[in-house]
Protein backbone atom coordinates (compact mmCIF):
# COMPACT_ATOMS: atom_id res chain seq x y z
CA MET A 1 151.47 99.95 108.44
CA SER A 2 151.80 97.13 105.91
CA GLN A 3 149.93 94.98 108.67
CA THR A 4 147.22 97.83 108.32
CA ILE A 5 147.11 97.45 104.49
CA GLN A 6 146.76 93.69 104.56
CA GLN A 7 144.11 94.09 107.02
CA LEU A 8 142.32 96.23 104.91
CA ASN A 9 142.68 94.07 102.10
CA LYS A 10 141.35 91.15 104.02
CA ASN A 11 138.31 93.21 105.04
CA TRP A 12 137.68 93.97 101.37
CA ALA A 13 137.95 90.71 100.24
CA ILE A 14 135.38 89.53 102.83
CA LEU A 15 132.85 92.10 101.76
CA PHE A 16 133.58 91.50 98.22
CA SER A 17 133.00 87.70 98.60
CA VAL A 18 129.59 88.84 100.54
CA TRP A 19 128.73 91.27 97.37
CA VAL A 20 129.45 88.12 95.01
CA LEU A 21 127.18 85.78 96.92
CA VAL A 22 124.21 88.06 97.12
CA THR A 23 124.60 88.78 93.19
CA VAL A 24 124.79 85.45 92.40
CA SER A 25 121.67 84.74 94.61
CA THR A 26 120.06 87.49 93.02
CA LEU A 27 120.84 86.34 89.47
CA GLY A 28 119.90 82.87 90.58
CA SER A 29 116.37 84.18 91.68
CA LEU A 30 115.96 86.04 88.26
CA PHE A 31 117.07 82.68 86.35
CA PHE A 32 114.35 80.87 88.26
CA SER A 33 111.41 83.47 87.45
CA TYR A 34 112.44 84.36 83.92
CA ILE A 35 114.46 81.61 82.27
CA MET A 36 112.73 78.63 84.30
CA GLU A 37 109.34 80.33 84.70
CA PHE A 38 108.88 79.50 88.16
CA ALA A 39 106.16 81.94 89.69
CA PRO A 40 107.57 83.40 92.84
CA CYS A 41 105.17 82.98 96.14
CA VAL A 42 104.48 85.78 98.61
CA LEU A 43 107.32 84.74 100.72
CA CYS A 44 109.46 84.35 97.89
CA TRP A 45 109.06 88.18 97.27
CA TYR A 46 109.47 89.15 100.36
CA GLN A 47 112.79 87.36 100.35
CA ARG A 48 113.96 89.14 97.15
CA ILE A 49 112.89 92.62 99.01
CA CYS A 50 115.59 92.06 101.51
CA LEU A 51 118.16 90.45 98.83
CA PHE A 52 117.82 92.60 95.66
CA PRO A 53 118.81 95.90 97.47
CA LEU A 54 122.00 94.42 99.13
CA VAL A 55 123.22 94.11 95.66
CA ILE A 56 123.60 97.89 95.33
CA ILE A 57 124.25 98.53 98.91
CA LEU A 58 127.11 96.10 99.42
CA ALA A 59 128.91 97.60 96.14
CA THR A 60 128.63 101.09 97.24
CA GLY A 61 130.53 99.89 100.59
CA LEU A 62 133.41 98.47 98.53
CA PHE A 63 134.84 101.67 96.71
CA PRO A 64 136.30 103.01 99.14
CA LEU A 65 135.50 100.12 101.89
CA ASP A 66 133.11 101.69 104.03
CA LYS A 67 132.49 99.71 107.50
CA ARG A 68 129.08 101.26 107.82
CA VAL A 69 127.82 99.13 105.00
CA ILE A 70 127.23 96.25 107.84
CA GLU A 71 124.68 98.44 109.36
CA TYR A 72 122.68 99.03 106.13
CA SER A 73 122.95 95.43 105.33
CA LEU A 74 122.92 93.11 108.07
CA PRO A 75 119.28 93.85 109.29
CA LEU A 76 118.25 93.23 105.51
CA ALA A 77 119.99 89.84 105.58
CA ILE A 78 118.30 89.05 109.13
CA ALA A 79 114.88 89.65 107.89
CA GLY A 80 115.49 87.68 104.68
CA TRP A 81 116.85 84.85 106.64
CA ILE A 82 113.85 85.12 109.05
CA THR A 83 111.35 84.87 106.15
CA ALA A 84 113.40 82.27 104.46
CA PHE A 85 113.05 80.12 107.50
CA TYR A 86 109.58 80.74 107.98
CA HIS A 87 109.23 79.48 104.40
CA ASN A 88 111.40 76.35 104.88
CA LEU A 89 109.24 75.44 107.82
CA LEU A 90 105.89 75.84 105.54
CA TYR A 91 107.42 73.85 102.82
CA SER A 92 108.47 71.02 105.31
CA GLY A 93 104.96 70.93 106.77
CA ILE A 94 105.71 71.65 110.26
CA ILE A 95 104.00 74.83 110.14
CA PRO A 96 100.39 73.98 109.02
CA GLN A 97 99.20 75.06 105.57
CA ASP A 98 96.11 77.11 107.16
CA LEU A 99 98.83 79.41 108.49
CA GLN A 100 100.40 79.99 104.96
CA PRO A 101 100.38 83.51 103.72
CA CYS A 102 100.13 82.39 100.37
CA SER A 103 96.42 82.04 99.80
CA LYS A 104 95.78 83.71 96.67
CA GLY A 105 98.41 82.78 94.01
CA VAL A 106 101.38 80.35 93.89
CA SER A 107 101.24 78.22 97.05
CA CYS A 108 104.38 78.79 99.17
CA THR A 109 104.87 74.89 99.29
CA GLU A 110 104.93 74.51 95.27
CA LYS A 111 107.53 72.25 94.61
CA TYR A 112 109.91 73.47 91.64
CA ILE A 113 113.11 71.89 92.27
CA ASP A 114 114.23 69.20 95.03
CA LEU A 115 118.22 68.50 94.57
CA LEU A 116 119.64 65.37 96.85
CA GLY A 117 116.15 65.38 98.63
CA PHE A 118 116.76 68.63 100.51
CA LEU A 119 117.95 71.27 98.20
CA THR A 120 114.72 73.30 97.48
CA ILE A 121 114.23 76.92 96.53
CA PRO A 122 113.50 78.04 99.70
CA MET A 123 116.63 75.91 101.35
CA LEU A 124 119.06 77.61 98.62
CA SER A 125 117.67 81.06 100.24
CA LEU A 126 117.76 80.19 103.49
CA ILE A 127 121.69 78.82 102.94
CA SER A 128 122.42 82.04 101.15
CA PHE A 129 121.08 84.29 103.76
CA SER A 130 122.95 82.21 106.42
CA ILE A 131 126.23 82.68 104.70
CA ILE A 132 125.74 86.28 104.07
CA ILE A 133 125.06 86.85 107.94
CA THR A 134 127.88 84.99 109.02
CA LEU A 135 130.21 86.93 106.56
CA LEU A 136 128.94 90.22 107.66
CA ILE A 137 129.04 89.33 111.32
CA LEU A 138 132.66 88.22 110.95
CA LEU A 139 133.41 91.33 109.25
CA LYS A 140 131.99 93.41 111.69
CA ARG A 141 134.11 91.51 114.50
CA ARG A 142 137.35 92.17 112.28
CA ILE A 143 136.76 95.85 111.88
CA SER A 144 135.67 96.34 115.44
C-alpha cells in the first residue's frame, strides 16, 4: 500500500508541475500583453485559446487526482503546439508571408524579443507546449 501512495504522490507531482508550467506560461503571456504592451497577433490568440483553459482544467484534476484530466488537456496542448510550430515556421521565414493568417492588425512575424538569437515569443510558446505535452504523455503512461 505504501508503494501505491508513493506512485500516487509522484503522479500528482507531475500533474502539479504541468499546472505550474501552464500557469507561468499564462502569466508570461499576460505580462507581454499588458505590462510590456506587445500586441498579440492572430496566431498568438489561437495559442492563448489553447493555453488559458489548461490552468483551470489541470487545477480541477489535482484535487483529488483525476487521471481523466489528461483526456481533456492533451488535445488542447497538441492544438497549441501545432499552432506554435506553424507560428515559428512563419516567424523564421520558412513559410512565405503570403500564407500568413495575420493580414490585418499585428503581423505574425513582428519581432518583440530575441534572446540569445533564437528565444522569441513564438519559440517560448513552442517550448512550453512541448514540455506540457511531454509531461502529460509521461503521466498517461505512468497511470495506464
